[in-house]
Amino acid sequence: AVGIAQRLGVSQLVVGLTVVAMGTSAPEVAASIASALGG
């Protein structure tokens, strides 16, 4: 995600504040969705 943002000229600061935080939260997203699907 950061690489694409760099190629598209998006601010590194904006990417770090949004994509990095969301990226490190991605495991929680995946694990909680899998748990919800499993009841």
PDB file of all heavy atoms in Angstrom:
ATOM      1  N   ALA A   1       0.821  -1.210   0.000  1.00  0.00           N
ATOM      2  CA  ALA A   1       0.000   0.000   0.000  1.00  0.00           C
ATOM      3  C   ALA A   1       0.855   1.261   0.000  1.00  0.00           C
ATOM      4  O   ALA A   1       0.579   2.224  -0.715  1.00  0.00           O
ATOM      5  CB  ALA A   1      -0.925  -0.012   1.213  1.00  0.00           C
ATOM      6  N   VAL A   2       1.927   1.250   0.816  1.00  0.00           N
ATOM      7  CA  VAL A   2       2.823   2.405   0.847  1.00  0.00           C
ATOM      8  C   VAL A   2       3.507   2.576  -0.495  1.00  0.00           C
ATOM      9  O   VAL A   2       3.676   3.697  -0.997  1.00  0.00           O
ATOM     10  CB  VAL A   2       3.870   2.248   1.973  1.00  0.00           C
ATOM     11  CG1 VAL A   2       4.951   3.321   1.870  1.00  0.00           C
ATOM     12  CG2 VAL A   2       3.199   2.329   3.336  1.00  0.00           C
ATOM     13  N   GLY A   3       3.900   1.462  -1.126  1.00  0.00           N
ATOM     14  CA  GLY A   3       4.551   1.536  -2.430  1.00  0.00           C
ATOM     15  C   GLY A   3       3.657   2.148  -3.487  1.00  0.00           C
ATOM     16  O   GLY A   3       4.087   2.995  -4.278  1.00  0.00           O
ATOM     17  N   ILE A   4       2.384   1.727  -3.520  1.00  0.00           N
ATOM     18  CA  ILE A   4       1.446   2.295  -4.483  1.00  0.00           C
ATOM     19  C   ILE A   4       1.259   3.783  -4.223  1.00  0.00           C
ATOM     20  O   ILE A   4       1.213   4.598  -5.153  1.00  0.00           O
ATOM     21  CB  ILE A   4       0.093   1.557  -4.413  1.00  0.00           C
ATOM     22  CG1 ILE A   4       0.222   0.177  -5.060  1.00  0.00           C
ATOM     23  CG2 ILE A   4      -1.008   2.363  -5.105  1.00  0.00           C
ATOM     24  CD1 ILE A   4      -1.046  -0.620  -5.056  1.00  0.00           C
ATOM     25  N   ALA A   5       1.151   4.140  -2.946  1.00  0.00           N
ATOM     26  CA  ALA A   5       0.993   5.559  -2.604  1.00  0.00           C
ATOM     27  C   ALA A   5       2.190   6.369  -3.071  1.00  0.00           C
ATOM     28  O   ALA A   5       2.037   7.480  -3.588  1.00  0.00           O
ATOM     29  CB  ALA A   5       0.811   5.697  -1.094  1.00  0.00           C
ATOM     30  N   GLN A   6       3.379   5.814  -2.911  1.00  0.00           N
ATOM     31  CA  GLN A   6       4.577   6.512  -3.369  1.00  0.00           C
ATOM     32  C   GLN A   6       4.554   6.703  -4.879  1.00  0.00           C
ATOM     33  O   GLN A   6       4.885   7.780  -5.384  1.00  0.00           O
ATOM     34  CB  GLN A   6       5.827   5.729  -2.952  1.00  0.00           C
ATOM     35  CG  GLN A   6       6.096   5.765  -1.454  1.00  0.00           C
ATOM     36  CD  GLN A   6       7.268   4.891  -1.070  1.00  0.00           C
ATOM     37  OE1 GLN A   6       7.631   3.959  -1.798  1.00  0.00           O
ATOM     38  NE2 GLN A   6       7.862   5.161   0.081  1.00  0.00           N
ATOM     39  N   ARG A   7       4.169   5.654  -5.595  1.00  0.00           N
ATOM     40  CA  ARG A   7       4.132   5.729  -7.059  1.00  0.00           C
ATOM     41  C   ARG A   7       3.106   6.734  -7.532  1.00  0.00           C
ATOM     42  O   ARG A   7       3.278   7.370  -8.565  1.00  0.00           O
ATOM     43  CB  ARG A   7       3.811   4.354  -7.646  1.00  0.00           C
ATOM     44  CG  ARG A   7       4.844   3.288  -7.353  1.00  0.00           C
ATOM     45  CD  ARG A   7       6.134   3.500  -8.091  1.00  0.00           C
ATOM     46  NE  ARG A   7       5.935   3.375  -9.533  1.00  0.00           N
ATOM     47  CZ  ARG A   7       6.890   3.521 -10.440  1.00  0.00           C
ATOM     48  NH1 ARG A   7       8.115   3.834 -10.045  1.00  0.00           N
ATOM     49  NH2 ARG A   7       6.639   3.392 -11.723  1.00  0.00           N
ATOM     50  N   LEU A   8       2.026   6.882  -6.746  1.00  0.00           N
ATOM     51  CA  LEU A   8       0.965   7.817  -7.125  1.00  0.00           C
ATOM     52  C   LEU A   8       1.212   9.220  -6.581  1.00  0.00           C
ATOM     53  O   LEU A   8       0.407  10.127  -6.807  1.00  0.00           O
ATOM     54  CB  LEU A   8      -0.394   7.301  -6.636  1.00  0.00           C
ATOM     55  CG  LEU A   8      -0.849   5.965  -7.241  1.00  0.00           C
ATOM     56  CD1 LEU A   8      -2.170   5.529  -6.633  1.00  0.00           C
ATOM     57  CD2 LEU A   8      -0.967   6.080  -8.759  1.00  0.00           C
ATOM     58  N   GLY A   9       2.296   9.398  -5.848  1.00  0.00           N
ATOM     59  CA  GLY A   9       2.641  10.727  -5.355  1.00  0.00           C
ATOM     60  C   GLY A   9       1.882  11.167  -4.124  1.00  0.00           C
ATOM     61  O   GLY A   9       1.813  12.357  -3.830  1.00  0.00           O
ATOM     62  N   VAL A  10       1.316  10.217  -3.358  1.00  0.00           N
ATOM     63  CA  VAL A  10       0.606  10.564  -2.129  1.00  0.00           C
ATOM     64  C   VAL A  10       1.625  10.822  -1.028  1.00  0.00           C
ATOM     65  O   VAL A  10       2.672  10.173  -0.967  1.00  0.00           O
ATOM     66  CB  VAL A  10      -0.343   9.430  -1.709  1.00  0.00           C
ATOM     67  CG1 VAL A  10      -1.072   9.770  -0.418  1.00  0.00           C
ATOM     68  CG2 VAL A  10      -1.336   9.144  -2.824  1.00  0.00           C
ATOM     69  N   SER A  11       1.354  11.786  -0.151  1.00  0.00           N
ATOM     70  CA  SER A  11       2.256  12.145   0.928  1.00  0.00           C
ATOM     71  C   SER A  11       2.622  10.937   1.783  1.00  0.00           C
ATOM     72  O   SER A  11       1.760  10.158   2.188  1.00  0.00           O
ATOM     73  CB  SER A  11       1.610  13.220   1.812  1.00  0.00           C
ATOM     74  OG  SER A  11       2.320  13.362   3.014  1.00  0.00           O
ATOM     75  N   GLN A  12       3.922  10.795   2.072  1.00  0.00           N
ATOM     76  CA  GLN A  12       4.374   9.727   2.962  1.00  0.00           C
ATOM     77  C   GLN A  12       3.741   9.861   4.350  1.00  0.00           C
ATOM     78  O   GLN A  12       3.426   8.862   4.996  1.00  0.00           O
ATOM     79  CB  GLN A  12       5.899   9.789   3.094  1.00  0.00           C
ATOM     80  CG  GLN A  12       6.650   9.200   1.920  1.00  0.00           C
ATOM     81  CD  GLN A  12       6.527   7.693   1.896  1.00  0.00           C
ATOM     82  OE1 GLN A  12       6.820   7.021   2.880  1.00  0.00           O
ATOM     83  NE2 GLN A  12       6.091   7.158   0.771  1.00  0.00           N
ATOM     84  N   LEU A  13       3.557  11.086   4.785  1.00  0.00           N
ATOM     85  CA  LEU A  13       2.974  11.313   6.103  1.00  0.00           C
ATOM     86  C   LEU A  13       1.543  10.799   6.160  1.00  0.00           C
ATOM     87  O   LEU A  13       1.153  10.088   7.092  1.00  0.00           O
ATOM     88  CB  LEU A  13       3.005  12.810   6.436  1.00  0.00           C
ATOM     89  CG  LEU A  13       2.481  13.219   7.808  1.00  0.00           C
ATOM     90  CD1 LEU A  13       3.258  12.522   8.903  1.00  0.00           C
ATOM     91  CD2 LEU A  13       2.566  14.725   7.975  1.00  0.00           C
ATOM     92  N   VAL A  14       0.762  11.145   5.137  1.00  0.00           N
ATOM     93  CA  VAL A  14      -0.633  10.695   5.102  1.00  0.00           C
ATOM     94  C   VAL A  14      -0.700   9.179   5.048  1.00  0.00           C
ATOM     95  O   VAL A  14      -1.501   8.552   5.748  1.00  0.00           O
ATOM     96  CB  VAL A  14      -1.365  11.309   3.891  1.00  0.00           C
ATOM     97  CG1 VAL A  14      -2.759  10.721   3.749  1.00  0.00           C
ATOM     98  CG2 VAL A  14      -1.435  12.820   4.015  1.00  0.00           C
ATOM     99  N   VAL A  15       0.169   8.570   4.248  1.00  0.00           N
ATOM    100  CA  VAL A  15       0.178   7.110   4.128  1.00  0.00           C
ATOM    101  C   VAL A  15       0.536   6.462   5.459  1.00  0.00           C
ATOM    102  O   VAL A  15      -0.083   5.495   5.888  1.00  0.00           O
ATOM    103  CB  VAL A  15       1.178   6.665   3.040  1.00  0.00           C
ATOM    104  CG1 VAL A  15       1.336   5.157   3.040  1.00  0.00           C
ATOM    105  CG2 VAL A  15       0.711   7.133   1.678  1.00  0.00           C
ATOM    106  N   GLY A  16       1.543   7.028   6.135  1.00  0.00           N
ATOM    107  CA  GLY A  16       1.951   6.456   7.401  1.00  0.00           C
ATOM    108  C   GLY A  16       0.879   6.536   8.468  1.00  0.00           C
ATOM    109  O   GLY A  16       0.689   5.601   9.250  1.00  0.00           O
ATOM    110  N   LEU A  17       0.147   7.642   8.487  1.00  0.00           N
ATOM    111  CA  LEU A  17      -0.876   7.844   9.508  1.00  0.00           C
ATOM    112  C   LEU A  17      -2.131   7.019   9.265  1.00  0.00           C
ATOM    113  O   LEU A  17      -2.900   6.780  10.201  1.00  0.00           O
ATOM    114  CB  LEU A  17      -1.262   9.331   9.575  1.00  0.00           C
ATOM    115  CG  LEU A  17      -0.143  10.288   9.997  1.00  0.00           C
ATOM    116  CD1 LEU A  17      -0.579  11.729   9.847  1.00  0.00           C
ATOM    117  CD2 LEU A  17       0.266   9.998  11.422  1.00  0.00           C
ATOM    118  N   THR A  18      -2.342   6.627   8.028  1.00  0.00           N
ATOM    119  CA  THR A  18      -3.563   5.882   7.711  1.00  0.00           C
ATOM    120  C   THR A  18      -3.265   4.426   7.370  1.00  0.00           C
ATOM    121  O   THR A  18      -3.700   3.514   8.073  1.00  0.00           O
ATOM    122  CB  THR A  18      -4.299   6.551   6.540  1.00  0.00           C
ATOM    123  OG1 THR A  18      -3.398   6.684   5.424  1.00  0.00           O
ATOM    124  CG2 THR A  18      -4.797   7.931   6.940  1.00  0.00           C
ATOM    125  N   VAL A  19      -2.480   4.194   6.323  1.00  0.00           N
ATOM    126  CA  VAL A  19      -2.240   2.840   5.845  1.00  0.00           C
ATOM    127  C   VAL A  19      -1.469   2.013   6.865  1.00  0.00           C
ATOM    128  O   VAL A  19      -1.784   0.844   7.098  1.00  0.00           O
ATOM    129  CB  VAL A  19      -1.484   2.859   4.492  1.00  0.00           C
ATOM    130  CG1 VAL A  19      -1.187   1.443   4.029  1.00  0.00           C
ATOM    131  CG2 VAL A  19      -2.296   3.598   3.453  1.00  0.00           C
ATOM    132  N   VAL A  20      -0.432   2.603   7.493  1.00  0.00           N
ATOM    133  CA  VAL A  20       0.355   1.834   8.456  1.00  0.00           C
ATOM    134  C   VAL A  20      -0.514   1.413   9.640  1.00  0.00           C
ATOM    135  O   VAL A  20      -0.482   0.262  10.073  1.00  0.00           O
ATOM    136  CB  VAL A  20       1.575   2.645   8.936  1.00  0.00           C
ATOM    137  CG1 VAL A  20       2.272   1.936  10.089  1.00  0.00           C
ATOM    138  CG2 VAL A  20       2.551   2.854   7.781  1.00  0.00           C
ATOM    139  N   ALA A  21      -1.303   2.345  10.173  1.00  0.00           N
ATOM    140  CA  ALA A  21      -2.171   2.011  11.305  1.00  0.00           C
ATOM    141  C   ALA A  21      -3.207   0.968  10.901  1.00  0.00           C
ATOM    142  O   ALA A  21      -3.482   0.021  11.648  1.00  0.00           O
ATOM    143  CB  ALA A  21      -2.863   3.265  11.833  1.00  0.00           C
ATOM    144  N   MET A  22      -3.794   1.136   9.709  1.00  0.00           N
ATOM    145  CA  MET A  22      -4.775   0.152   9.249  1.00  0.00           C
ATOM    146  C   MET A  22      -4.109  -1.186   8.966  1.00  0.00           C
ATOM    147  O   MET A  22      -4.672  -2.249   9.238  1.00  0.00           O
ATOM    148  CB  MET A  22      -5.489   0.656   7.996  1.00  0.00           C
ATOM    149  CG  MET A  22      -6.603   1.627   8.283  1.00  0.00           C
ATOM    150  SD  MET A  22      -7.607   1.963   6.804  1.00  0.00           S
ATOM    151  CE  MET A  22      -6.419   2.800   5.775  1.00  0.00           C
ATOM    152  N   GLY A  23      -2.900  -1.122   8.410  1.00  0.00           N
ATOM    153  CA  GLY A  23      -2.199  -2.362   8.094  1.00  0.00           C
ATOM    154  C   GLY A  23      -1.891  -3.183   9.326  1.00  0.00           C
ATOM    155  O   GLY A  23      -2.063  -4.408   9.329  1.00  0.00           O
ATOM    156  N   THR A  24      -1.448  -2.525  10.389  1.00  0.00           N
ATOM    157  CA  THR A  24      -1.159  -3.271  11.620  1.00  0.00           C
ATOM    158  C   THR A  24      -2.436  -3.728  12.317  1.00  0.00           C
ATOM    159  O   THR A  24      -2.386  -4.599  13.194  1.00  0.00           O
ATOM    160  CB  THR A  24      -0.314  -2.420  12.592  1.00  0.00           C
ATOM    161  OG1 THR A  24      -0.979  -1.184  12.857  1.00  0.00           O
ATOM    162  CG2 THR A  24       1.059  -2.144  12.010  1.00  0.00           C
ATOM    163  N   SER A  25      -3.576  -3.146  11.934  1.00  0.00           N
ATOM    164  CA  SER A  25      -4.863  -3.598  12.471  1.00  0.00           C
ATOM    165  C   SER A  25      -5.490  -4.676  11.588  1.00  0.00           C
ATOM    166  O   SER A  25      -6.507  -5.267  11.957  1.00  0.00           O
ATOM    167  CB  SER A  25      -5.849  -2.416  12.580  1.00  0.00           C
ATOM    168  OG  SER A  25      -5.426  -1.494  13.550  1.00  0.00           O
ATOM    169  N   ALA A  26      -4.876  -4.934  10.431  1.00  0.00           N
ATOM    170  CA  ALA A  26      -5.433  -5.921   9.501  1.00  0.00           C
ATOM    171  C   ALA A  26      -5.567  -7.309  10.122  1.00  0.00           C
ATOM    172  O   ALA A  26      -6.560  -8.004   9.867  1.00  0.00           O
ATOM    173  CB  ALA A  26      -4.585  -5.974   8.225  1.00  0.00           C
ATOM    174  N   PRO A  27      -4.606  -7.780  10.944  1.00  0.00           N
ATOM    175  CA  PRO A  27      -4.805  -9.094  11.564  1.00  0.00           C
ATOM    176  C   PRO A  27      -6.047  -9.154  12.443  1.00  0.00           C
ATOM    177  O   PRO A  27      -6.754 -10.166  12.461  1.00  0.00           O
ATOM    178  CB  PRO A  27      -3.525  -9.268  12.408  1.00  0.00           C
ATOM    179  CG  PRO A  27      -2.507  -8.442  11.706  1.00  0.00           C
ATOM    180  CD  PRO A  27      -3.261  -7.239  11.207  1.00  0.00           C
ATOM    181  N   GLU A  28      -6.320  -8.071  13.184  1.00  0.00           N
ATOM    182  CA  GLU A  28      -7.528  -8.036  14.002  1.00  0.00           C
ATOM    183  C   GLU A  28      -8.776  -8.127  13.125  1.00  0.00           C
ATOM    184  O   GLU A  28      -9.743  -8.809  13.470  1.00  0.00           O
ATOM    185  CB  GLU A  28      -7.576  -6.754  14.837  1.00  0.00           C
ATOM    186  CG  GLU A  28      -6.663  -6.758  16.045  1.00  0.00           C
ATOM    187  CD  GLU A  28      -5.279  -6.227  15.751  1.00  0.00           C
ATOM    188  OE1 GLU A  28      -4.915  -6.130  14.562  1.00  0.00           O
ATOM    189  OE2 GLU A  28      -4.541  -5.923  16.682  1.00  0.00           O
ATOM    190  N   VAL A  29      -8.763  -7.416  11.993  1.00  0.00           N
ATOM    191  CA  VAL A  29      -9.905  -7.458  11.073  1.00  0.00           C
ATOM    192  C   VAL A  29     -10.144  -8.888  10.594  1.00  0.00           C
ATOM    193  O   VAL A  29     -11.258  -9.420  10.671  1.00  0.00           O
ATOM    194  CB  VAL A  29      -9.684  -6.525   9.862  1.00  0.00           C
ATOM    195  CG1 VAL A  29     -10.842  -6.667   8.871  1.00  0.00           C
ATOM    196  CG2 VAL A  29      -9.560  -5.082  10.310  1.00  0.00           C
ATOM    197  N   ALA A  30      -9.080  -9.515  10.086  1.00  0.00           N
ATOM    198  CA  ALA A  30      -9.207 -10.862   9.532  1.00  0.00           C
ATOM    199  C   ALA A  30      -9.620 -11.871  10.603  1.00  0.00           C
ATOM    200  O   ALA A  30     -10.500 -12.708  10.378  1.00  0.00           O
ATOM    201  CB  ALA A  30      -7.885 -11.281   8.889  1.00  0.00           C
ATOM    202  N   ALA A  31      -8.990 -11.796  11.779  1.00  0.00           N
ATOM    203  CA  ALA A  31      -9.284 -12.763  12.836  1.00  0.00           C
ATOM    204  C   ALA A  31     -10.703 -12.605  13.363  1.00  0.00           C
ATOM    205  O   ALA A  31     -11.398 -13.600  13.615  1.00  0.00           O
ATOM    206  CB  ALA A  31      -8.275 -12.611  13.976  1.00  0.00           C
ATOM    207  N   SER A  32     -11.157 -11.362  13.536  1.00  0.00           N
ATOM    208  CA  SER A  32     -12.505 -11.140  14.062  1.00  0.00           C
ATOM    209  C   SER A  32     -13.572 -11.532  13.049  1.00  0.00           C
ATOM    210  O   SER A  32     -14.618 -12.074  13.425  1.00  0.00           O
ATOM    211  CB  SER A  32     -12.679  -9.670  14.483  1.00  0.00           C
ATOM    212  OG  SER A  32     -11.943  -9.398  15.661  1.00  0.00           O
ATOM    213  N   ILE A  33     -13.328 -11.267  11.770  1.00  0.00           N
ATOM    214  CA  ILE A  33     -14.277 -11.685  10.735  1.00  0.00           C
ATOM    215  C   ILE A  33     -14.372 -13.209  10.702  1.00  0.00           C
ATOM    216  O   ILE A  33     -15.465 -13.782  10.625  1.00  0.00           O
ATOM    217  CB  ILE A  33     -13.873 -11.126   9.360  1.00  0.00           C
ATOM    218  CG1 ILE A  33     -14.149  -9.627   9.295  1.00  0.00           C
ATOM    219  CG2 ILE A  33     -14.620 -11.851   8.236  1.00  0.00           C
ATOM    220  CD1 ILE A  33     -13.730  -8.974   8.001  1.00  0.00           C
ATOM    221  N   ALA A  34     -13.215 -13.877  10.749  1.00  0.00           N
ATOM    222  CA  ALA A  34     -13.216 -15.339  10.752  1.00  0.00           C
ATOM    223  C   ALA A  34     -13.960 -15.885  11.975  1.00  0.00           C
ATOM    224  O   ALA A  34     -14.700 -16.864  11.889  1.00  0.00           O
ATOM    225  CB  ALA A  34     -11.781 -15.863  10.731  1.00  0.00           C
ATOM    226  N   SER A  35     -13.786 -15.228  13.124  1.00  0.00           N
ATOM    227  CA  SER A  35     -14.474 -15.653  14.345  1.00  0.00           C
ATOM    228  C   SER A  35     -15.977 -15.457  14.222  1.00  0.00           C
ATOM    229  O   SER A  35     -16.763 -16.319  14.619  1.00  0.00           O
ATOM    230  CB  SER A  35     -13.942 -14.865  15.548  1.00  0.00           C
ATOM    231  OG  SER A  35     -12.568 -15.085  15.737  1.00  0.00           O
ATOM    232  N   ALA A  36     -16.392 -14.302  13.668  1.00  0.00           N
ATOM    233  CA  ALA A  36     -17.819 -14.035  13.489  1.00  0.00           C
ATOM    234  C   ALA A  36     -18.439 -15.049  12.535  1.00  0.00           C
ATOM    235  O   ALA A  36     -19.543 -15.556  12.781  1.00  0.00           O
ATOM    236  CB  ALA A  36     -18.029 -12.616  12.971  1.00  0.00           C
ATOM    237  N   LEU A  37     -17.748 -15.358  11.450  1.00  0.00           N
ATOM    238  CA  LEU A  37     -18.256 -16.337  10.488  1.00  0.00           C
ATOM    239  C   LEU A  37     -18.405 -17.708  11.140  1.00  0.00           C
ATOM    240  O   LEU A  37     -19.290 -18.483  10.776  1.00  0.00           O
ATOM    241  CB  LEU A  37     -17.312 -16.434   9.281  1.00  0.00           C
ATOM    242  CG  LEU A  37     -17.376 -15.279   8.279  1.00  0.00           C
ATOM    243  CD1 LEU A  37     -16.274 -15.421   7.238  1.00  0.00           C
ATOM    244  CD2 LEU A  37     -18.739 -15.238   7.596  1.00  0.00           C
ATOM    245  N   GLY A  38     -17.530 -18.010  12.082  1.00  0.00           N
ATOM    246  CA  GLY A  38     -17.588 -19.301  12.772  1.00  0.00           C
ATOM    247  C   GLY A  38     -18.542 -19.312  13.941  1.00  0.00           C
ATOM    248  O   GLY A  38     -18.599 -20.292  14.690  1.00  0.00           O
ATOM    249  N   GLY A  39     -19.292 -18.210  14.116  1.00  0.00           N
ATOM    250  CA  GLY A  39     -20.250 -18.146  15.208  1.00  0.00           C
ATOM    251  C   GLY A  39     -19.622 -17.914  16.569  1.00  0.00           C
ATOM    252  O   GLY A  39     -20.235 -18.194  17.604  1.00  0.00           O
TER     253      GLY A  39
END
